[in-house]
Amino acid sequence: MHEISDAGVADKMKSHWLNFIGITVILFLFWVAVSGTLKWPQLVVGLAAAIFITYFNRNLLITAEDRPPVCFRTITWLVGYIFRLVFDIIKANFQVAWLVLHPKMPIEPNMVSLEINIDRVASRVLLANSITLTPGTLTVLADEKKFLVHALTFKSGDGLKSWPLIDRLKQMEEDQH
């Protein structure tokens, strides 16, 4: 029995280090893209900065238990999610522009309560940020099972209750279980 717990601890440590290395690599690649140079002094500084940032923020990193597994299926799902989100953001930009430019400015600010049945923290954070990124809506409160969202119009607030991205997140979670 003692060996099983040691194996579990070893797996958790391996997962922690893989997560640490993965975040460090992503930050380093971002540094290379932003710095625009491949000279070794800048690469050393970038790598040091990536390690430093990851180390001092290690308690904030999403663990493997809190996120879906990284695999081809999850990546393709995420790409599809992002395309749909970008489409909805563009559509909402035109709707908000119409509201602001309309002579009567038919804005009806309201608060909408959404029942969210999403278990994973990372999925709820993704949804809350997606709502906030979409013009005309703002996530004010995000609890485990309920979101409070400010919407510019009643129509946009009601539209959130049947937003396809919420269903996509639920479907992704069901596929993972």
Protein backbone atom coordinates (compact mmCIF):
# COMPACT_ATOMS: atom_id res chain seq x y z
CA MET A 1 0.00 0.00 0.00
CA HIS A 2 2.89 2.30 0.78
CA GLU A 3 4.28 1.76 -2.74
CA ILE A 4 1.01 2.89 -4.33
CA SER A 5 1.03 6.18 -2.48
CA ASP A 6 4.67 6.73 -3.45
CA ALA A 7 3.74 6.10 -7.10
CA GLY A 8 0.87 8.58 -6.79
CA VAL A 9 3.20 11.19 -5.35
CA ALA A 10 5.72 10.52 -8.12
CA ASP A 11 3.01 10.93 -10.78
CA LYS A 12 1.89 14.19 -9.20
CA MET A 13 5.46 15.50 -9.10
CA LYS A 14 5.99 14.48 -12.74
CA SER A 15 2.75 16.26 -13.72
CA HIS A 16 3.84 19.35 -11.76
CA TRP A 17 7.23 19.47 -13.50
CA LEU A 18 5.71 18.87 -16.94
CA ASN A 19 3.29 21.71 -16.27
CA PHE A 20 6.16 23.95 -15.10
CA ILE A 21 8.27 23.14 -18.15
CA GLY A 22 5.32 23.58 -20.51
CA ILE A 23 4.47 27.04 -19.19
CA THR A 24 8.15 28.04 -19.25
CA VAL A 25 8.45 26.94 -22.90
CA ILE A 26 5.29 28.86 -23.86
CA LEU A 27 6.55 32.02 -22.14
CA PHE A 28 9.98 31.61 -23.75
CA LEU A 29 8.43 31.22 -27.22
CA PHE A 30 6.34 34.32 -26.56
CA TRP A 31 9.55 36.16 -25.61
CA VAL A 32 11.23 35.08 -28.86
CA ALA A 33 8.21 36.19 -30.89
CA VAL A 34 8.01 39.58 -29.18
CA SER A 35 11.75 40.30 -29.07
CA GLY A 36 12.14 39.53 -32.77
CA THR A 37 15.73 38.35 -32.45
CA LEU A 38 17.55 35.06 -32.08
CA LYS A 39 20.79 36.46 -30.64
CA TRP A 40 21.97 34.42 -27.69
CA PRO A 41 22.06 37.26 -25.08
CA GLN A 42 18.35 37.98 -25.69
CA LEU A 43 17.56 34.26 -25.68
CA VAL A 44 19.33 33.82 -22.32
CA VAL A 45 17.46 36.79 -20.83
CA GLY A 46 14.18 35.45 -22.27
CA LEU A 47 14.75 31.99 -20.84
CA ALA A 48 15.71 33.42 -17.45
CA ALA A 49 12.61 35.63 -17.46
CA ALA A 50 10.37 32.70 -18.41
CA ILE A 51 11.79 30.51 -15.64
CA PHE A 52 11.58 33.37 -13.11
CA ILE A 53 7.95 34.20 -13.98
CA THR A 54 6.88 30.55 -13.94
CA TYR A 55 8.65 29.85 -10.66
CA PHE A 56 7.19 32.82 -8.79
CA ASN A 57 3.71 32.17 -10.15
CA ARG A 58 3.78 28.38 -9.71
CA ASN A 59 0.94 28.43 -7.19
CA LEU A 60 -1.28 30.13 -9.78
CA LEU A 61 -0.71 27.56 -12.52
CA ILE A 62 -3.61 25.39 -13.57
CA THR A 63 -2.92 21.81 -12.61
CA ALA A 64 -3.53 18.82 -14.85
CA GLU A 65 -6.60 17.88 -12.77
CA ASP A 66 -8.19 21.30 -13.40
CA ARG A 67 -7.87 21.32 -17.18
CA PRO A 68 -8.67 18.95 -20.01
CA PRO A 69 -5.84 16.69 -21.17
CA VAL A 70 -3.60 18.12 -23.86
CA CYS A 71 -4.24 15.99 -26.93
CA PHE A 72 -5.16 16.43 -30.59
CA ARG A 73 -8.89 16.22 -29.87
CA THR A 74 -8.74 18.92 -27.18
CA ILE A 75 -6.61 21.21 -29.36
CA THR A 76 -8.99 20.91 -32.33
CA TRP A 77 -11.92 21.54 -29.99
CA LEU A 78 -10.18 24.66 -28.61
CA VAL A 79 -9.43 25.97 -32.12
CA GLY A 80 -13.12 25.56 -33.02
CA TYR A 81 -14.11 27.30 -29.78
CA ILE A 82 -11.80 30.23 -30.55
CA PHE A 83 -13.16 30.59 -34.10
CA ARG A 84 -16.73 30.66 -32.78
CA LEU A 85 -15.74 33.17 -30.08
CA VAL A 86 -14.06 35.46 -32.63
CA PHE A 87 -17.19 35.25 -34.83
CA ASP A 88 -19.40 36.18 -31.85
CA ILE A 89 -17.07 39.04 -30.87
CA ILE A 90 -17.20 40.50 -34.40
CA LYS A 91 -21.00 40.14 -34.51
CA ALA A 92 -21.34 41.78 -31.08
CA ASN A 93 -19.08 44.67 -32.18
CA PHE A 94 -21.52 45.50 -34.96
CA GLN A 95 -24.50 45.20 -32.59
CA VAL A 96 -22.91 47.53 -30.03
CA ALA A 97 -21.90 49.99 -32.77
CA TRP A 98 -25.51 50.00 -34.00
CA LEU A 99 -26.77 50.65 -30.45
CA VAL A 100 -24.35 53.53 -29.90
CA LEU A 101 -24.89 55.12 -33.31
CA HIS A 102 -28.69 54.76 -33.29
CA PRO A 103 -30.37 58.17 -32.81
CA LYS A 104 -32.49 56.92 -29.87
CA MET A 105 -29.63 54.81 -28.40
CA PRO A 106 -31.87 51.88 -27.36
CA ILE A 107 -29.67 50.66 -24.52
CA GLU A 108 -31.41 48.67 -21.77
CA PRO A 109 -28.74 47.87 -19.16
CA ASN A 110 -29.63 44.79 -17.12
CA MET A 111 -28.17 42.02 -15.01
CA VAL A 112 -28.63 38.42 -16.10
CA SER A 113 -28.24 35.40 -13.86
CA LEU A 114 -26.92 32.33 -15.69
CA GLU A 115 -27.08 28.83 -14.26
CA ILE A 116 -23.79 27.19 -15.25
CA ASN A 117 -23.38 23.42 -14.91
CA ILE A 118 -19.68 23.24 -15.67
CA ASP A 119 -17.44 21.35 -13.24
CA ARG A 120 -13.89 22.30 -14.23
CA VAL A 121 -12.47 25.56 -12.94
CA ALA A 122 -10.56 26.18 -16.19
CA SER A 123 -13.77 25.80 -18.23
CA ARG A 124 -15.67 28.24 -15.99
CA VAL A 125 -12.80 30.75 -16.23
CA LEU A 126 -12.75 30.35 -20.02
CA LEU A 127 -16.50 30.97 -20.18
CA ALA A 128 -16.38 34.00 -17.85
CA ASN A 129 -13.56 35.54 -19.90
CA SER A 130 -15.35 34.75 -23.17
CA ILE A 131 -18.47 36.57 -21.94
CA THR A 132 -16.39 39.56 -20.84
CA LEU A 133 -14.47 39.67 -24.14
CA THR A 134 -17.72 39.83 -26.08
CA PRO A 135 -18.76 43.49 -26.47
CA GLY A 136 -21.95 44.41 -24.64
CA THR A 137 -21.56 41.83 -21.87
CA LEU A 138 -19.48 41.72 -18.71
CA THR A 139 -19.15 38.92 -16.19
CA VAL A 140 -19.64 40.59 -12.81
CA LEU A 141 -19.68 37.48 -10.61
CA ALA A 142 -18.61 33.92 -11.38
CA ASP A 143 -19.53 31.34 -8.75
CA GLU A 144 -19.34 27.58 -9.15
CA LYS A 145 -22.87 27.18 -10.54
CA LYS A 146 -24.02 30.73 -11.26
CA PHE A 147 -22.72 33.71 -13.23
CA LEU A 148 -24.00 37.25 -12.91
CA VAL A 149 -23.58 39.11 -16.19
CA HIS A 150 -24.20 42.75 -17.11
CA ALA A 151 -25.71 43.13 -20.59
CA LEU A 152 -26.41 46.26 -22.62
CA THR A 153 -29.80 45.06 -23.84
CA PHE A 154 -32.43 42.55 -22.73
CA LYS A 155 -32.02 40.74 -26.05
CA SER A 156 -28.28 40.23 -25.56
CA GLY A 157 -28.86 39.15 -21.97
CA ASP A 158 -31.46 36.57 -23.00
CA GLY A 159 -29.20 35.41 -25.83
CA LEU A 160 -26.56 34.42 -23.28
CA LYS A 161 -28.89 31.78 -21.83
CA SER A 162 -28.74 29.84 -25.10
CA TRP A 163 -25.21 30.84 -26.17
CA PRO A 164 -23.66 27.96 -28.17
CA LEU A 165 -20.29 28.35 -26.46
CA ILE A 166 -21.80 27.30 -23.12
CA ASP A 167 -23.08 24.11 -24.77
CA ARG A 168 -19.67 23.52 -26.36
CA LEU A 169 -17.97 23.72 -22.96
CA LYS A 170 -20.51 21.33 -21.43
CA GLN A 171 -20.04 18.90 -24.34
CA MET A 172 -16.27 19.03 -23.98
CA GLU A 173 -16.56 18.21 -20.29
CA GLU A 174 -18.92 15.30 -20.96
CA ASP A 175 -16.52 13.92 -23.56
CA GLN A 176 -13.70 14.03 -21.00
CA HIS A 177 -15.59 11.98 -18.37
